[in-house]
Full PDB file with SEQRES, HELIX, SHEET, SSBOND, CRYST1, ORIGX, SCALE, CONECT and MASTER records, all heavy atoms in Angstrom:
SEQRES   1 A   29  ASP ASN TYR GLY MET VAL HIS THR GLU ASN PHE ILE LEU          
SEQRES   2 A   29  ILE ASP LYS GLU LYS ARG VAL ARG GLY THR TYR ASP GLY          
SEQRES   3 A   29  THR ASN GLU                                                  
SHEET    1 AA1 2 ASN A  10  ILE A  14  0                                        
SHEET    2 AA1 2 VAL A  20  ASP A  25 -1                                        
CRYST1    1.000    1.000    1.000  90.00  90.00  90.00 P 1           1          
ORIGX1      1.000000  0.000000  0.000000        0.00000                         
ORIGX2      0.000000  1.000000  0.000000        0.00000                         
ORIGX3      0.000000  0.000000  1.000000        0.00000                         
SCALE1      1.000000  0.000000  0.000000        0.00000                         
SCALE2      0.000000  1.000000  0.000000        0.00000                         
SCALE3      0.000000  0.000000  1.000000        0.00000                         
ATOM      1  N   ASP A   1     -17.491  -4.255 -13.387  1.00  0.00           N  
ATOM      2  CA  ASP A   1     -18.296  -4.928 -12.348  1.00  0.00           C  
ATOM      3  C   ASP A   1     -17.642  -6.206 -11.866  1.00  0.00           C  
ATOM      4  O   ASP A   1     -18.230  -6.988 -11.130  1.00  0.00           O  
ATOM      5  CB  ASP A   1     -19.692  -5.238 -12.881  1.00  0.00           C  
ATOM      6  CG  ASP A   1     -20.482  -3.966 -13.168  1.00  0.00           C  
ATOM      7  OD1 ASP A   1     -20.276  -2.980 -12.464  1.00  0.00           O  
ATOM      8  OD2 ASP A   1     -21.272  -3.985 -14.140  1.00  0.00           O  
ATOM      9  N   ASN A   2     -16.403  -6.485 -12.294  1.00  0.00           N  
ATOM     10  CA  ASN A   2     -15.733  -7.729 -11.952  1.00  0.00           C  
ATOM     11  C   ASN A   2     -14.540  -7.496 -11.018  1.00  0.00           C  
ATOM     12  O   ASN A   2     -13.571  -8.236 -11.029  1.00  0.00           O  
ATOM     13  CB  ASN A   2     -15.264  -8.429 -13.244  1.00  0.00           C  
ATOM     14  CG  ASN A   2     -14.858  -9.885 -12.970  1.00  0.00           C  
ATOM     15  OD1 ASN A   2     -15.431 -10.546 -12.126  1.00  0.00           O  
ATOM     16  ND2 ASN A   2     -13.857 -10.336 -13.693  1.00  0.00           N  
ATOM     17  N   TYR A   3     -14.639  -6.418 -10.223  1.00  0.00           N  
ATOM     18  CA  TYR A   3     -13.598  -6.097  -9.251  1.00  0.00           C  
ATOM     19  C   TYR A   3     -12.220  -5.977  -9.882  1.00  0.00           C  
ATOM     20  O   TYR A   3     -11.224  -6.494  -9.377  1.00  0.00           O  
ATOM     21  CB  TYR A   3     -13.595  -7.153  -8.132  1.00  0.00           C  
ATOM     22  CG  TYR A   3     -14.940  -7.325  -7.492  1.00  0.00           C  
ATOM     23  CD1 TYR A   3     -15.644  -8.532  -7.685  1.00  0.00           C  
ATOM     24  CD2 TYR A   3     -15.528  -6.344  -6.736  1.00  0.00           C  
ATOM     25  CE1 TYR A   3     -16.917  -8.698  -7.121  1.00  0.00           C  
ATOM     26  CE2 TYR A   3     -16.779  -6.523  -6.182  1.00  0.00           C  
ATOM     27  CZ  TYR A   3     -17.477  -7.668  -6.397  1.00  0.00           C  
ATOM     28  OH  TYR A   3     -18.711  -7.837  -5.848  1.00  0.00           O  
ATOM     29  N   GLY A   4     -12.189  -5.242 -10.975  1.00  0.00           N  
ATOM     30  CA  GLY A   4     -10.896  -5.002 -11.641  1.00  0.00           C  
ATOM     31  C   GLY A   4     -10.037  -4.061 -10.853  1.00  0.00           C  
ATOM     32  O   GLY A   4     -10.532  -3.047 -10.319  1.00  0.00           O  
ATOM     33  N   MET A   5      -8.743  -4.363 -10.748  1.00  0.00           N  
ATOM     34  CA  MET A   5      -7.827  -3.555  -9.946  1.00  0.00           C  
ATOM     35  C   MET A   5      -6.588  -3.155 -10.723  1.00  0.00           C  
ATOM     36  O   MET A   5      -6.032  -3.958 -11.468  1.00  0.00           O  
ATOM     37  CB  MET A   5      -7.384  -4.364  -8.717  1.00  0.00           C  
ATOM     38  CG  MET A   5      -8.441  -4.658  -7.700  1.00  0.00           C  
ATOM     39  SD  MET A   5      -7.896  -5.808  -6.413  1.00  0.00           S  
ATOM     40  CE  MET A   5      -8.166  -7.399  -7.216  1.00  0.00           C  
ATOM     41  N   VAL A   6      -6.176  -1.919 -10.563  1.00  0.00           N  
ATOM     42  CA  VAL A   6      -4.902  -1.450 -11.108  1.00  0.00           C  
ATOM     43  C   VAL A   6      -4.033  -1.105  -9.897  1.00  0.00           C  
ATOM     44  O   VAL A   6      -4.243  -0.101  -9.232  1.00  0.00           O  
ATOM     45  CB  VAL A   6      -5.098  -0.207 -11.992  1.00  0.00           C  
ATOM     46  CG1 VAL A   6      -3.749   0.281 -12.519  1.00  0.00           C  
ATOM     47  CG2 VAL A   6      -6.065  -0.485 -13.143  1.00  0.00           C  
ATOM     48  N   HIS A   7      -3.046  -1.949  -9.634  1.00  0.00           N  
ATOM     49  CA  HIS A   7      -2.243  -1.738  -8.431  1.00  0.00           C  
ATOM     50  C   HIS A   7      -1.287  -0.567  -8.644  1.00  0.00           C  
ATOM     51  O   HIS A   7      -0.983  -0.192  -9.761  1.00  0.00           O  
ATOM     52  CB  HIS A   7      -1.489  -3.006  -8.042  1.00  0.00           C  
ATOM     53  CG  HIS A   7      -0.307  -3.279  -8.916  1.00  0.00           C  
ATOM     54  ND1 HIS A   7       0.975  -2.829  -8.628  1.00  0.00           N  
ATOM     55  CD2 HIS A   7      -0.186  -3.970 -10.058  1.00  0.00           C  
ATOM     56  CE1 HIS A   7       1.808  -3.244  -9.535  1.00  0.00           C  
ATOM     57  NE2 HIS A   7       1.136  -3.950 -10.440  1.00  0.00           N  
ATOM     58  N   THR A   8      -0.822  -0.007  -7.541  1.00  0.00           N  
ATOM     59  CA  THR A   8       0.168   1.061  -7.582  1.00  0.00           C  
ATOM     60  C   THR A   8       1.500   0.522  -7.086  1.00  0.00           C  
ATOM     61  O   THR A   8       1.624  -0.634  -6.698  1.00  0.00           O  
ATOM     62  CB  THR A   8      -0.245   2.240  -6.675  1.00  0.00           C  
ATOM     63  OG1 THR A   8      -0.237   1.786  -5.322  1.00  0.00           O  
ATOM     64  CG2 THR A   8      -1.642   2.731  -7.050  1.00  0.00           C  
ATOM     65  N   GLU A   9       2.477   1.403  -7.054  1.00  0.00           N  
ATOM     66  CA  GLU A   9       3.818   1.017  -6.549  1.00  0.00           C  
ATOM     67  C   GLU A   9       3.891   1.157  -5.012  1.00  0.00           C  
ATOM     68  O   GLU A   9       4.951   0.940  -4.464  1.00  0.00           O  
ATOM     69  CB  GLU A   9       4.886   1.884  -7.187  1.00  0.00           C  
ATOM     70  CG  GLU A   9       4.873   3.352  -6.822  1.00  0.00           C  
ATOM     71  CD  GLU A   9       3.884   4.174  -7.629  1.00  0.00           C  
ATOM     72  OE1 GLU A   9       3.096   3.573  -8.407  1.00  0.00           O  
ATOM     73  OE2 GLU A   9       3.884   5.406  -7.497  1.00  0.00           O  
ATOM     74  N   ASN A  10       2.796   1.436  -4.369  1.00  0.00           N  
ATOM     75  CA  ASN A  10       2.824   1.739  -2.926  1.00  0.00           C  
ATOM     76  C   ASN A  10       3.129   0.550  -2.049  1.00  0.00           C  
ATOM     77  O   ASN A  10       2.575  -0.533  -2.240  1.00  0.00           O  
ATOM     78  CB  ASN A  10       1.465   2.319  -2.497  1.00  0.00           C  
ATOM     79  CG  ASN A  10       1.234   3.727  -3.019  1.00  0.00           C  
ATOM     80  OD1 ASN A  10       2.156   4.353  -3.539  1.00  0.00           O  
ATOM     81  ND2 ASN A  10       0.020   4.223  -2.899  1.00  0.00           N  
ATOM     82  N   PHE A  11       4.042   0.779  -1.085  1.00  0.00           N  
ATOM     83  CA  PHE A  11       4.238  -0.107   0.069  1.00  0.00           C  
ATOM     84  C   PHE A  11       3.521   0.587   1.230  1.00  0.00           C  
ATOM     85  O   PHE A  11       3.673   1.773   1.421  1.00  0.00           O  
ATOM     86  CB  PHE A  11       5.720  -0.261   0.399  1.00  0.00           C  
ATOM     87  CG  PHE A  11       6.482  -1.167  -0.538  1.00  0.00           C  
ATOM     88  CD1 PHE A  11       5.865  -1.743  -1.644  1.00  0.00           C  
ATOM     89  CD2 PHE A  11       7.830  -1.409  -0.348  1.00  0.00           C  
ATOM     90  CE1 PHE A  11       6.575  -2.564  -2.514  1.00  0.00           C  
ATOM     91  CE2 PHE A  11       8.544  -2.225  -1.188  1.00  0.00           C  
ATOM     92  CZ  PHE A  11       7.923  -2.815  -2.292  1.00  0.00           C  
ATOM     93  N   ILE A  12       2.817  -0.189   2.035  1.00  0.00           N  
ATOM     94  CA  ILE A  12       2.043   0.364   3.138  1.00  0.00           C  
ATOM     95  C   ILE A  12       2.556  -0.183   4.442  1.00  0.00           C  
ATOM     96  O   ILE A  12       2.655  -1.430   4.625  1.00  0.00           O  
ATOM     97  CB  ILE A  12       0.537   0.023   2.976  1.00  0.00           C  
ATOM     98  CG1 ILE A  12       0.036   0.447   1.575  1.00  0.00           C  
ATOM     99  CG2 ILE A  12      -0.289   0.759   4.029  1.00  0.00           C  
ATOM    100  CD1 ILE A  12      -0.010  -0.680   0.582  1.00  0.00           C  
ATOM    101  N   LEU A  13       2.900   0.696   5.385  1.00  0.00           N  
ATOM    102  CA  LEU A  13       3.399   0.287   6.676  1.00  0.00           C  
ATOM    103  C   LEU A  13       2.205   0.203   7.651  1.00  0.00           C  
ATOM    104  O   LEU A  13       1.473   1.198   7.867  1.00  0.00           O  
ATOM    105  CB  LEU A  13       4.422   1.308   7.178  1.00  0.00           C  
ATOM    106  CG  LEU A  13       5.016   1.038   8.578  1.00  0.00           C  
ATOM    107  CD1 LEU A  13       5.752  -0.305   8.622  1.00  0.00           C  
ATOM    108  CD2 LEU A  13       5.974   2.176   8.945  1.00  0.00           C  
ATOM    109  N   ILE A  14       2.036  -0.949   8.293  1.00  0.00           N  
ATOM    110  CA  ILE A  14       0.917  -1.215   9.197  1.00  0.00           C  
ATOM    111  C   ILE A  14       1.465  -1.473  10.608  1.00  0.00           C  
ATOM    112  O   ILE A  14       2.436  -2.214  10.752  1.00  0.00           O  
ATOM    113  CB  ILE A  14       0.085  -2.412   8.726  1.00  0.00           C  
ATOM    114  CG1 ILE A  14      -0.321  -2.262   7.259  1.00  0.00           C  
ATOM    115  CG2 ILE A  14      -1.131  -2.621   9.618  1.00  0.00           C  
ATOM    116  CD1 ILE A  14      -1.174  -1.068   6.982  1.00  0.00           C  
ATOM    117  N   ASP A  15       0.835  -0.860  11.602  1.00  0.00           N  
ATOM    118  CA  ASP A  15       1.313  -1.053  12.974  1.00  0.00           C  
ATOM    119  C   ASP A  15       0.589  -2.224  13.660  1.00  0.00           C  
ATOM    120  O   ASP A  15      -0.225  -2.938  13.056  1.00  0.00           O  
ATOM    121  CB  ASP A  15       1.193   0.219  13.795  1.00  0.00           C  
ATOM    122  CG  ASP A  15      -0.241   0.678  14.072  1.00  0.00           C  
ATOM    123  OD1 ASP A  15      -1.182  -0.144  13.895  1.00  0.00           O  
ATOM    124  OD2 ASP A  15      -0.448   1.840  14.474  1.00  0.00           O  
ATOM    125  N   LYS A  16       0.924  -2.449  14.905  1.00  0.00           N  
ATOM    126  CA  LYS A  16       0.387  -3.583  15.665  1.00  0.00           C  
ATOM    127  C   LYS A  16      -1.116  -3.469  15.961  1.00  0.00           C  
ATOM    128  O   LYS A  16      -1.753  -4.463  16.321  1.00  0.00           O  
ATOM    129  CB  LYS A  16       1.162  -3.784  16.950  1.00  0.00           C  
ATOM    130  CG  LYS A  16       2.617  -4.169  16.732  1.00  0.00           C  
ATOM    131  CD  LYS A  16       3.356  -4.365  18.054  1.00  0.00           C  
ATOM    132  CE  LYS A  16       4.823  -4.717  17.831  1.00  0.00           C  
ATOM    133  NZ  LYS A  16       5.545  -4.974  19.109  1.00  0.00           N  
ATOM    134  N   GLU A  17      -1.642  -2.265  15.806  1.00  0.00           N  
ATOM    135  CA  GLU A  17      -3.086  -2.037  15.984  1.00  0.00           C  
ATOM    136  C   GLU A  17      -3.842  -2.070  14.666  1.00  0.00           C  
ATOM    137  O   GLU A  17      -4.982  -1.661  14.581  1.00  0.00           O  
ATOM    138  CB  GLU A  17      -3.322  -0.688  16.692  1.00  0.00           C  
ATOM    139  CG  GLU A  17      -2.972  -0.688  18.151  1.00  0.00           C  
ATOM    140  CD  GLU A  17      -1.460  -0.669  18.404  1.00  0.00           C  
ATOM    141  OE1 GLU A  17      -0.741   0.066  17.719  1.00  0.00           O  
ATOM    142  OE2 GLU A  17      -0.991  -1.409  19.295  1.00  0.00           O  
ATOM    143  N   LYS A  18      -3.145  -2.500  13.588  1.00  0.00           N  
ATOM    144  CA  LYS A  18      -3.746  -2.639  12.252  1.00  0.00           C  
ATOM    145  C   LYS A  18      -4.040  -1.288  11.610  1.00  0.00           C  
ATOM    146  O   LYS A  18      -4.936  -1.181  10.766  1.00  0.00           O  
ATOM    147  CB  LYS A  18      -4.992  -3.516  12.296  1.00  0.00           C  
ATOM    148  CG  LYS A  18      -4.784  -4.895  12.880  1.00  0.00           C  
ATOM    149  CD  LYS A  18      -6.016  -5.784  12.789  1.00  0.00           C  
ATOM    150  CE  LYS A  18      -7.125  -5.291  13.677  1.00  0.00           C  
ATOM    151  NZ  LYS A  18      -8.293  -6.212  13.670  1.00  0.00           N  
ATOM    152  N   ARG A  19      -3.271  -0.258  11.962  1.00  0.00           N  
ATOM    153  CA  ARG A  19      -3.455   1.061  11.419  1.00  0.00           C  
ATOM    154  C   ARG A  19      -2.400   1.413  10.366  1.00  0.00           C  
ATOM    155  O   ARG A  19      -1.262   0.966  10.465  1.00  0.00           O  
ATOM    156  CB  ARG A  19      -3.406   2.116  12.545  1.00  0.00           C  
ATOM    157  CG  ARG A  19      -4.439   1.898  13.643  1.00  0.00           C  
ATOM    158  CD  ARG A  19      -4.262   2.827  14.792  1.00  0.00           C  
ATOM    159  NE  ARG A  19      -2.938   2.690  15.430  1.00  0.00           N  
ATOM    160  CZ  ARG A  19      -2.565   3.289  16.538  1.00  0.00           C  
ATOM    161  NH1 ARG A  19      -3.438   4.091  17.182  1.00  0.00           N  
ATOM    162  NH2 ARG A  19      -1.363   3.124  17.055  1.00  0.00           N  
ATOM    163  N   VAL A  20      -2.752   2.208   9.388  1.00  0.00           N  
ATOM    164  CA  VAL A  20      -1.809   2.640   8.360  1.00  0.00           C  
ATOM    165  C   VAL A  20      -0.926   3.734   8.911  1.00  0.00           C  
ATOM    166  O   VAL A  20      -1.399   4.792   9.371  1.00  0.00           O  
ATOM    167  CB  VAL A  20      -2.558   3.158   7.105  1.00  0.00           C  
ATOM    168  CG1 VAL A  20      -1.542   3.643   6.074  1.00  0.00           C  
ATOM    169  CG2 VAL A  20      -3.435   2.064   6.521  1.00  0.00           C  
ATOM    170  N   ARG A  21       0.401   3.528   8.899  1.00  0.00           N  
ATOM    171  CA  ARG A  21       1.339   4.484   9.473  1.00  0.00           C  
ATOM    172  C   ARG A  21       2.257   5.132   8.434  1.00  0.00           C  
ATOM    173  O   ARG A  21       3.020   6.030   8.775  1.00  0.00           O  
ATOM    174  CB  ARG A  21       2.170   3.839  10.567  1.00  0.00           C  
ATOM    175  CG  ARG A  21       1.361   3.214  11.684  1.00  0.00           C  
ATOM    176  CD  ARG A  21       0.394   4.184  12.350  1.00  0.00           C  
ATOM    177  NE  ARG A  21       1.076   5.289  13.005  1.00  0.00           N  
ATOM    178  CZ  ARG A  21       1.485   5.239  14.295  1.00  0.00           C  
ATOM    179  NH1 ARG A  21       1.259   4.154  15.032  1.00  0.00           N  
ATOM    180  NH2 ARG A  21       2.060   6.275  14.831  1.00  0.00           N  
ATOM    181  N   GLY A  22       2.162   4.673   7.173  1.00  0.00           N  
ATOM    182  CA  GLY A  22       2.987   5.270   6.157  1.00  0.00           C  
ATOM    183  C   GLY A  22       2.793   4.609   4.813  1.00  0.00           C  
ATOM    184  O   GLY A  22       2.395   3.434   4.728  1.00  0.00           O  
ATOM    185  N   THR A  23       3.017   5.365   3.744  1.00  0.00           N  
ATOM    186  CA  THR A  23       3.024   4.799   2.384  1.00  0.00           C  
ATOM    187  C   THR A  23       4.290   5.262   1.688  1.00  0.00           C  
ATOM    188  O   THR A  23       4.747   6.381   1.905  1.00  0.00           O  
ATOM    189  CB  THR A  23       1.795   5.259   1.573  1.00  0.00           C  
ATOM    190  OG1 THR A  23       1.801   6.686   1.423  1.00  0.00           O  
ATOM    191  CG2 THR A  23       0.486   4.825   2.245  1.00  0.00           C  
ATOM    192  N   TYR A  24       4.821   4.384   0.844  1.00  0.00           N  
ATOM    193  CA  TYR A  24       6.145   4.624   0.234  1.00  0.00           C  
ATOM    194  C   TYR A  24       6.128   4.113  -1.198  1.00  0.00           C  
ATOM    195  O   TYR A  24       5.459   3.103  -1.511  1.00  0.00           O  
ATOM    196  CB  TYR A  24       7.235   3.885   1.035  1.00  0.00           C  
ATOM    197  CG  TYR A  24       7.114   4.132   2.524  1.00  0.00           C  
ATOM    198  CD1 TYR A  24       6.216   3.363   3.300  1.00  0.00           C  
ATOM    199  CD2 TYR A  24       7.844   5.132   3.160  1.00  0.00           C  
ATOM    200  CE1 TYR A  24       6.075   3.620   4.668  1.00  0.00           C  
ATOM    201  CE2 TYR A  24       7.704   5.346   4.529  1.00  0.00           C  
ATOM    202  CZ  TYR A  24       6.820   4.591   5.267  1.00  0.00           C  
ATOM    203  OH  TYR A  24       6.661   4.820   6.618  1.00  0.00           O  
ATOM    204  N   ASP A  25       6.908   4.774  -2.046  1.00  0.00           N  
ATOM    205  CA  ASP A  25       7.058   4.306  -3.417  1.00  0.00           C  
ATOM    206  C   ASP A  25       7.962   3.072  -3.434  1.00  0.00           C  
ATOM    207  O   ASP A  25       9.150   3.175  -3.168  1.00  0.00           O  
ATOM    208  CB  ASP A  25       7.657   5.434  -4.257  1.00  0.00           C  
ATOM    209  CG  ASP A  25       7.786   5.114  -5.729  1.00  0.00           C  
ATOM    210  OD1 ASP A  25       7.783   3.895  -6.058  1.00  0.00           O  
ATOM    211  OD2 ASP A  25       7.903   6.043  -6.538  1.00  0.00           O  
ATOM    212  N   GLY A  26       7.397   1.936  -3.727  1.00  0.00           N  
ATOM    213  CA  GLY A  26       8.133   0.681  -3.695  1.00  0.00           C  
ATOM    214  C   GLY A  26       9.145   0.506  -4.781  1.00  0.00           C  
ATOM    215  O   GLY A  26       9.886  -0.484  -4.812  1.00  0.00           O  
ATOM    216  N   THR A  27       9.210   1.492  -5.712  1.00  0.00           N  
ATOM    217  CA  THR A  27      10.222   1.434  -6.791  1.00  0.00           C  
ATOM    218  C   THR A  27      11.361   2.421  -6.532  1.00  0.00           C  
ATOM    219  O   THR A  27      12.295   2.517  -7.330  1.00  0.00           O  
ATOM    220  CB  THR A  27       9.594   1.772  -8.151  1.00  0.00           C  
ATOM    221  OG1 THR A  27       9.116   3.153  -8.169  1.00  0.00           O  
ATOM    222  CG2 THR A  27       8.421   0.856  -8.430  1.00  0.00           C  
ATOM    223  N   ASN A  28      11.265   3.158  -5.429  1.00  0.00           N  
ATOM    224  CA  ASN A  28      12.235   4.221  -5.140  1.00  0.00           C  
ATOM    225  C   ASN A  28      13.135   3.784  -3.980  1.00  0.00           C  
ATOM    226  O   ASN A  28      12.673   3.619  -2.853  1.00  0.00           O  
ATOM    227  CB  ASN A  28      11.485   5.503  -4.802  1.00  0.00           C  
ATOM    228  CG  ASN A  28      12.383   6.686  -4.598  1.00  0.00           C  
ATOM    229  OD1 ASN A  28      13.385   6.636  -3.885  1.00  0.00           O  
ATOM    230  ND2 ASN A  28      12.052   7.809  -5.229  1.00  0.00           N  
ATOM    231  N   GLU A  29      14.423   3.633  -4.239  1.00  0.00           N  
ATOM    232  CA  GLU A  29      15.343   3.146  -3.206  1.00  0.00           C  
ATOM    233  C   GLU A  29      15.446   4.100  -2.012  1.00  0.00           C  
ATOM    234  O   GLU A  29      15.620   3.658  -0.879  1.00  0.00           O  
ATOM    235  CB  GLU A  29      16.719   2.894  -3.804  1.00  0.00           C  
ATOM    236  CG  GLU A  29      16.748   1.696  -4.768  1.00  0.00           C  
ATOM    237  CD  GLU A  29      18.156   1.383  -5.240  1.00  0.00           C  
ATOM    238  OE1 GLU A  29      19.108   2.043  -4.777  1.00  0.00           O  
ATOM    239  OE2 GLU A  29      18.280   0.476  -6.098  1.00  0.00           O  
TER     240      GLU A  29                                                      
MASTER        0    0    0    0    2    0    0    6  239    1    0    3          
END                                                                             
C-alpha cells in the first residue's frame, strides 16, 4: 500500500504528442 515499484530494464520512446512509440531493453546494446 506504499506505492512500491520494481523497475524493469525498459527504455520507452515518446513522441512529440506524448505517445509511446517503442520499448527497448536498456541493457541490450
